[in-house]
Amino acid sequence: AENMSKRVLSIQSHVVHGYVGNKVATYPLQLLGFDVDPLNSVQFSNHTGYKTFKGPVSNEKELASIFDGLEQNELLPLYSHLLTGYIGNPLFLRQVGIILKKLRQANPNLVYVCDPVMGDNGELYVPKELLPIYRDEIIPLADIVTPNQYEVELLTEKEVRSEKAVWEAMDWFHKRGIKTVVISSSDLGQPGVLRAFLSQLNGPRLAIDIPKQGGKDLVFTGTGDLFASLFLAHSHGCGDVTAAFEKTIASLQAVIKKTVAALHNGGDGPVKAFERELKLVHSKNEIEQPEVLLKAQKLN
């Protein structure tokens, strides 16, 4: 019965107000039947897109100590998944590698979903020292990775400006033993369309076109974190990666739709940071029962 447990150790950021990191990942995973044990890499008042944010950043000694508590209480075999997101400290990230090895000793079937959060739209928002640790130490240990377009470019050290370049980048990950790579969004679609890609080692290559919602300058924070948690849930025990991809996008788009609908003028014009927080709790039904409107194209 122990092997049946669906329990995620989720190591990412915590915010008091709003929905990013563990705050945005926990609720959807719980709705989809997972126990979630959040381990916070930071505790901030709010996400860093506000005019100010305050709070402590956890260090690798604190991480090791907390994990030691789990280990001494013989809890490690309970975990079916490790999920990692925003980590702002290189030594903390290296400690995650040590933790993963211990989790795999306790459960050889553990699935590691790595969202290598480093930046977006050409802008790095973590110390550059994290990049080689992700590339050389952490990514090769992952089963599933969910980078954005910019993070793919950072890791592979190649520009991704065409679909051909996307599949070459996917192969870079597959050569390192990663089974499933999902690029949660890219600007390679038609104007006003985001294009998401998925590649599975010796499996399908898929793309989904996602019409951009809201005003052209409207950006949401936490969508990548939400994507990784939804994909973890939908891909678990599911032989059909296409369905997992479609359901993940369906729920994510439904949450964004609710968020845009709550904005003044549908988000055309200036929008305050707190107004752009994802309407996660209001999207309970859309998370539990995703309605697939955007189908994946099979490209191989």
Protein backbone atom coordinates (compact mmCIF):
# COMPACT_ATOMS: atom_id res chain seq x y z
CA ALA A 1 0.00 0.00 0.00
CA GLU A 2 2.95 2.28 0.70
CA ASN A 3 3.84 2.29 -3.01
CA MET A 4 0.40 3.67 -3.81
CA SER A 5 1.07 6.93 -2.00
CA LYS A 6 1.02 10.12 -4.05
CA ARG A 7 3.14 12.51 -2.02
CA VAL A 8 5.22 15.39 -3.32
CA LEU A 9 8.15 17.02 -1.56
CA SER A 10 7.97 20.50 -3.10
CA ILE A 11 11.02 22.71 -2.65
CA GLN A 12 10.33 26.25 -3.84
CA SER A 13 9.47 29.74 -2.67
CA HIS A 14 6.76 30.80 -0.23
CA VAL A 15 4.95 34.12 -0.33
CA VAL A 16 2.63 35.38 2.41
CA HIS A 17 0.42 37.22 -0.08
CA GLY A 18 -0.35 35.92 -3.53
CA TYR A 19 0.27 32.84 -5.65
CA VAL A 20 3.73 31.81 -6.79
CA GLY A 21 6.02 28.92 -5.86
CA ASN A 22 4.66 26.59 -3.21
CA LYS A 23 1.60 28.82 -2.75
CA VAL A 24 0.50 28.21 -6.34
CA ALA A 25 1.68 24.56 -6.57
CA THR A 26 0.18 23.12 -3.38
CA TYR A 27 -3.55 23.65 -3.91
CA PRO A 28 -3.77 22.18 -7.45
CA LEU A 29 -1.73 19.13 -6.42
CA GLN A 30 -4.02 18.58 -3.43
CA LEU A 31 -7.14 18.95 -5.58
CA LEU A 32 -5.69 16.32 -7.91
CA GLY A 33 -5.17 13.82 -5.10
CA PHE A 34 -1.61 14.42 -3.93
CA ASP A 35 -0.34 15.00 -0.43
CA VAL A 36 2.05 17.94 -0.62
CA ASP A 37 4.90 18.61 1.79
CA PRO A 38 6.10 22.16 1.00
CA LEU A 39 9.67 23.01 1.93
CA ASN A 40 10.24 26.72 1.44
CA SER A 41 13.40 28.13 -0.16
CA VAL A 42 12.40 31.68 0.82
CA GLN A 43 9.63 33.29 2.82
CA PHE A 44 8.76 36.62 1.23
CA SER A 45 5.91 39.03 1.88
CA ASN A 46 4.91 38.77 -1.81
CA HIS A 47 6.52 37.97 -5.16
CA THR A 48 9.39 40.05 -6.48
CA GLY A 49 7.27 41.78 -9.15
CA TYR A 50 5.84 44.16 -6.53
CA LYS A 51 7.55 47.48 -5.81
CA THR A 52 9.04 45.96 -2.66
CA PHE A 53 9.36 42.52 -1.06
CA LYS A 54 10.68 41.53 2.36
CA GLY A 55 11.59 38.34 4.12
CA PRO A 56 14.27 35.72 4.75
CA VAL A 57 16.05 33.50 2.24
CA SER A 58 16.72 29.99 3.51
CA ASN A 59 20.26 28.62 3.33
CA GLU A 60 21.61 25.14 2.61
CA LYS A 61 22.21 24.37 6.33
CA GLU A 62 18.54 25.04 7.12
CA LEU A 63 17.51 22.86 4.19
CA ALA A 64 19.81 20.03 5.31
CA SER A 65 18.49 20.28 8.86
CA ILE A 66 14.82 20.11 7.85
CA PHE A 67 15.48 17.20 5.51
CA ASP A 68 17.43 15.46 8.28
CA GLY A 69 14.28 15.59 10.39
CA LEU A 70 12.28 13.88 7.63
CA GLU A 71 15.01 11.29 7.20
CA GLN A 72 15.37 10.47 10.91
CA ASN A 73 11.62 9.94 11.16
CA GLU A 74 11.87 7.46 8.26
CA LEU A 75 9.53 9.48 6.05
CA LEU A 76 11.59 9.38 2.85
CA PRO A 77 9.98 6.20 1.40
CA LEU A 78 6.61 7.99 1.42
CA TYR A 79 7.56 10.37 -1.38
CA SER A 80 6.50 9.54 -4.93
CA HIS A 81 7.76 12.87 -6.34
CA LEU A 82 10.24 15.67 -5.81
CA LEU A 83 9.26 19.02 -7.33
CA THR A 84 11.69 21.95 -7.35
CA GLY A 85 11.10 25.52 -8.47
CA TYR A 86 12.53 28.89 -7.50
CA ILE A 87 15.80 28.58 -5.60
CA GLY A 88 17.93 31.70 -5.24
CA ASN A 89 21.08 30.35 -3.62
CA PRO A 90 23.72 28.17 -5.37
CA LEU A 91 24.66 26.16 -2.25
CA PHE A 92 20.98 25.52 -1.51
CA LEU A 93 20.57 24.16 -5.05
CA ARG A 94 23.57 21.89 -4.63
CA GLN A 95 22.02 20.56 -1.40
CA VAL A 96 18.90 19.67 -3.41
CA GLY A 97 21.09 17.28 -5.43
CA ILE A 98 22.14 15.53 -2.20
CA ILE A 99 18.50 15.33 -1.07
CA LEU A 100 17.40 13.84 -4.38
CA LYS A 101 19.97 11.04 -4.14
CA LYS A 102 18.70 10.17 -0.64
CA LEU A 103 15.08 10.19 -1.82
CA ARG A 104 15.96 7.85 -4.69
CA GLN A 105 17.72 5.47 -2.29
CA ALA A 106 14.50 5.36 -0.25
CA ASN A 107 12.27 5.03 -3.32
CA PRO A 108 14.01 4.06 -6.60
CA ASN A 109 10.78 4.90 -8.48
CA LEU A 110 10.71 8.51 -7.29
CA VAL A 111 9.94 10.98 -10.10
CA TYR A 112 11.84 14.25 -10.08
CA VAL A 113 10.13 17.20 -11.79
CA CYS A 114 12.60 20.06 -12.16
CA ASP A 115 11.50 23.56 -13.10
CA PRO A 116 14.89 25.28 -13.55
CA VAL A 117 13.67 28.76 -12.62
CA MET A 118 16.31 31.28 -13.67
CA GLY A 119 14.71 34.03 -15.72
CA ASP A 120 12.34 35.01 -18.48
CA ASN A 121 12.24 37.20 -21.59
CA GLY A 122 16.02 37.52 -21.71
CA GLU A 123 16.34 38.59 -18.09
CA LEU A 124 18.08 36.54 -15.40
CA TYR A 125 16.50 36.81 -11.95
CA VAL A 126 18.75 34.44 -9.99
CA PRO A 127 22.53 34.63 -9.38
CA LYS A 128 24.36 33.45 -12.51
CA GLU A 129 26.23 30.88 -10.37
CA LEU A 130 23.08 28.73 -10.39
CA LEU A 131 23.31 28.07 -14.14
CA PRO A 132 26.28 25.62 -14.16
CA ILE A 133 24.86 23.80 -11.10
CA TYR A 134 21.52 23.30 -12.84
CA ARG A 135 23.20 22.34 -16.11
CA ASP A 136 25.85 19.93 -14.80
CA GLU A 137 24.52 18.63 -11.49
CA ILE A 138 20.73 18.95 -11.20
CA ILE A 139 19.18 18.68 -14.68
CA PRO A 140 20.85 15.30 -15.45
CA LEU A 141 19.06 13.85 -12.38
CA ALA A 142 15.59 14.94 -13.50
CA ASP A 143 12.85 12.80 -15.07
CA ILE A 144 10.78 15.76 -16.26
CA VAL A 145 12.00 19.32 -16.88
CA THR A 146 9.75 22.33 -17.53
CA PRO A 147 11.95 25.27 -18.58
CA ASN A 148 10.74 28.33 -20.45
CA GLN A 149 12.28 29.39 -23.77
CA TYR A 150 14.91 31.64 -22.16
CA GLU A 151 15.93 28.97 -19.65
CA VAL A 152 16.40 26.50 -22.52
CA GLU A 153 18.73 29.00 -24.18
CA LEU A 154 20.70 29.47 -20.95
CA LEU A 155 21.11 25.73 -20.37
CA THR A 156 21.91 24.67 -23.93
CA GLU A 157 23.97 27.84 -24.63
CA LYS A 158 22.19 28.19 -27.98
CA GLU A 159 19.57 30.61 -29.21
CA VAL A 160 16.11 29.09 -29.69
CA ARG A 161 14.58 31.20 -32.44
CA SER A 162 13.00 28.54 -34.64
CA GLU A 163 11.11 25.30 -34.29
CA LYS A 164 14.13 23.40 -35.61
CA ALA A 165 16.17 24.89 -32.75
CA VAL A 166 13.49 23.75 -30.27
CA TRP A 167 13.88 20.10 -31.24
CA GLU A 168 17.67 20.35 -31.21
CA ALA A 169 17.41 21.76 -27.69
CA MET A 170 15.06 18.94 -26.69
CA ASP A 171 17.68 16.44 -27.85
CA TRP A 172 20.27 18.21 -25.68
CA PHE A 173 18.13 17.29 -22.67
CA HIS A 174 17.39 13.76 -23.89
CA LYS A 175 21.13 13.10 -24.35
CA ARG A 176 21.47 13.83 -20.63
CA GLY A 177 18.94 11.13 -19.82
CA ILE A 178 15.88 13.31 -19.29
CA LYS A 179 12.79 11.48 -20.45
CA THR A 180 10.27 14.31 -20.75
CA VAL A 181 10.94 17.95 -21.65
CA VAL A 182 8.16 20.53 -21.72
CA ILE A 183 8.71 24.13 -22.80
CA SER A 184 5.75 25.76 -21.12
CA SER A 185 5.67 28.76 -23.45
CA SER A 186 7.62 30.31 -26.29
CA ASP A 187 7.21 33.25 -28.66
CA LEU A 188 7.58 30.97 -31.70
CA GLY A 189 3.87 30.94 -32.54
CA GLN A 190 1.99 33.38 -34.79
CA PRO A 191 1.61 36.95 -33.46
CA GLY A 192 -0.54 36.89 -30.31
CA VAL A 193 -0.02 33.15 -29.89
CA LEU A 194 2.27 31.40 -27.42
CA ARG A 195 3.50 27.98 -28.51
CA ALA A 196 4.23 25.25 -25.98
CA PHE A 197 6.31 22.18 -26.84
CA LEU A 198 6.74 18.70 -25.39
CA SER A 199 9.24 16.01 -26.32
CA GLN A 200 9.55 12.54 -24.87
CA LEU A 201 12.63 10.38 -25.31
CA ASN A 202 11.74 7.82 -28.01
CA GLY A 203 8.20 9.18 -27.81
CA PRO A 204 5.99 11.91 -29.24
CA ARG A 205 6.90 15.46 -30.15
CA LEU A 206 3.98 17.76 -29.48
CA ALA A 207 3.05 21.43 -29.75
CA ILE A 208 0.06 23.41 -28.52
CA ASP A 209 -0.82 26.91 -29.74
CA ILE A 210 -2.13 29.12 -26.94
CA PRO A 211 -3.84 32.42 -27.81
CA LYS A 212 -2.51 35.14 -25.52
CA GLN A 213 -5.12 36.47 -23.10
CA GLY A 214 -5.57 40.05 -21.88
CA GLY A 215 -3.76 43.20 -22.99
CA LYS A 216 -0.50 42.85 -24.90
CA ASP A 217 1.62 44.04 -21.95
CA LEU A 218 -0.20 41.94 -19.36
CA VAL A 219 2.05 39.39 -17.69
CA PHE A 220 1.23 37.01 -14.87
CA THR A 221 3.57 35.69 -12.24
CA GLY A 222 3.41 32.07 -11.06
CA THR A 223 2.12 30.57 -14.31
CA GLY A 224 5.30 28.51 -14.79
CA ASP A 225 5.09 27.21 -11.21
CA LEU A 226 1.44 26.31 -11.76
CA PHE A 227 2.31 24.59 -15.05
CA ALA A 228 4.96 22.37 -13.42
CA SER A 229 2.63 21.28 -10.60
CA LEU A 230 -0.26 20.52 -12.96
CA PHE A 231 1.99 18.58 -15.31
CA LEU A 232 3.40 16.55 -12.42
CA ALA A 233 -0.14 15.59 -11.40
CA HIS A 234 -1.50 14.81 -14.86
CA SER A 235 1.54 12.85 -16.01
CA HIS A 236 1.56 10.61 -12.91
CA GLY A 237 0.64 7.02 -13.71
CA CYS A 238 -0.67 8.18 -17.06
CA GLY A 239 0.70 6.45 -20.13
CA ASP A 240 -0.73 9.21 -22.30
CA VAL A 241 1.61 12.20 -22.21
CA THR A 242 -0.50 13.99 -24.84
CA ALA A 243 -3.52 14.01 -22.51
CA ALA A 244 -1.36 15.19 -19.61
CA PHE A 245 -0.02 18.08 -21.73
CA GLU A 246 -3.50 19.08 -22.93
CA LYS A 247 -5.05 18.97 -19.46
CA THR A 248 -2.21 21.00 -17.98
CA ILE A 249 -2.62 23.74 -20.60
CA ALA A 250 -6.43 23.61 -20.22
CA SER A 251 -6.36 24.27 -16.48
CA LEU A 252 -3.63 26.89 -16.76
CA GLN A 253 -5.55 28.80 -19.43
CA ALA A 254 -8.77 28.57 -17.40
CA VAL A 255 -7.02 30.10 -14.38
CA ILE A 256 -5.62 32.90 -16.55
CA LYS A 257 -9.06 33.47 -18.09
CA LYS A 258 -10.61 33.92 -14.63
CA THR A 259 -7.78 36.25 -13.65
CA VAL A 260 -8.21 38.41 -16.76
CA ALA A 261 -12.01 38.48 -16.35
CA ALA A 262 -11.62 39.95 -12.86
CA LEU A 263 -9.46 42.83 -14.15
CA HIS A 264 -10.71 46.29 -14.96
CA ASN A 265 -11.21 46.50 -18.77
CA GLY A 266 -9.95 42.91 -19.11
CA GLY A 267 -6.43 44.06 -18.28
CA ASP A 268 -6.14 46.70 -20.98
CA GLY A 269 -4.20 49.56 -19.46
CA PRO A 270 -2.29 49.78 -16.17
CA VAL A 271 -2.76 46.88 -13.75
CA LYS A 272 -1.42 46.76 -10.19
CA ALA A 273 0.68 43.78 -9.07
CA PHE A 274 -1.94 42.54 -6.58
CA GLU A 275 -4.63 42.57 -9.28
CA ARG A 276 -2.53 40.25 -11.45
CA GLU A 277 -2.36 37.51 -8.80
CA LEU A 278 -3.78 34.30 -10.26
CA LYS A 279 -7.38 33.55 -9.30
CA LEU A 280 -6.39 30.09 -8.12
CA VAL A 281 -8.99 29.32 -5.45
CA HIS A 282 -11.79 30.44 -7.77
CA SER A 283 -10.59 27.94 -10.38
CA LYS A 284 -11.21 24.80 -8.31
CA ASN A 285 -13.54 23.19 -10.88
CA GLU A 286 -11.24 24.00 -13.79
CA ILE A 287 -8.35 22.31 -11.98
CA GLU A 288 -10.32 19.23 -10.95
CA GLN A 289 -12.02 18.80 -14.32
CA PRO A 290 -10.02 20.46 -17.09
CA GLU A 291 -11.95 21.07 -20.28
CA VAL A 292 -9.53 20.58 -23.15
CA LEU A 293 -10.12 23.27 -25.78
CA LEU A 294 -6.60 23.42 -27.23
CA LYS A 295 -5.44 20.13 -28.74
CA ALA A 296 -1.84 19.10 -29.17
CA GLN A 297 -0.36 18.72 -32.65
CA LYS A 298 1.79 15.62 -33.09
CA LEU A 299 4.93 16.58 -35.02
CA ASN A 300 6.75 13.28 -35.51
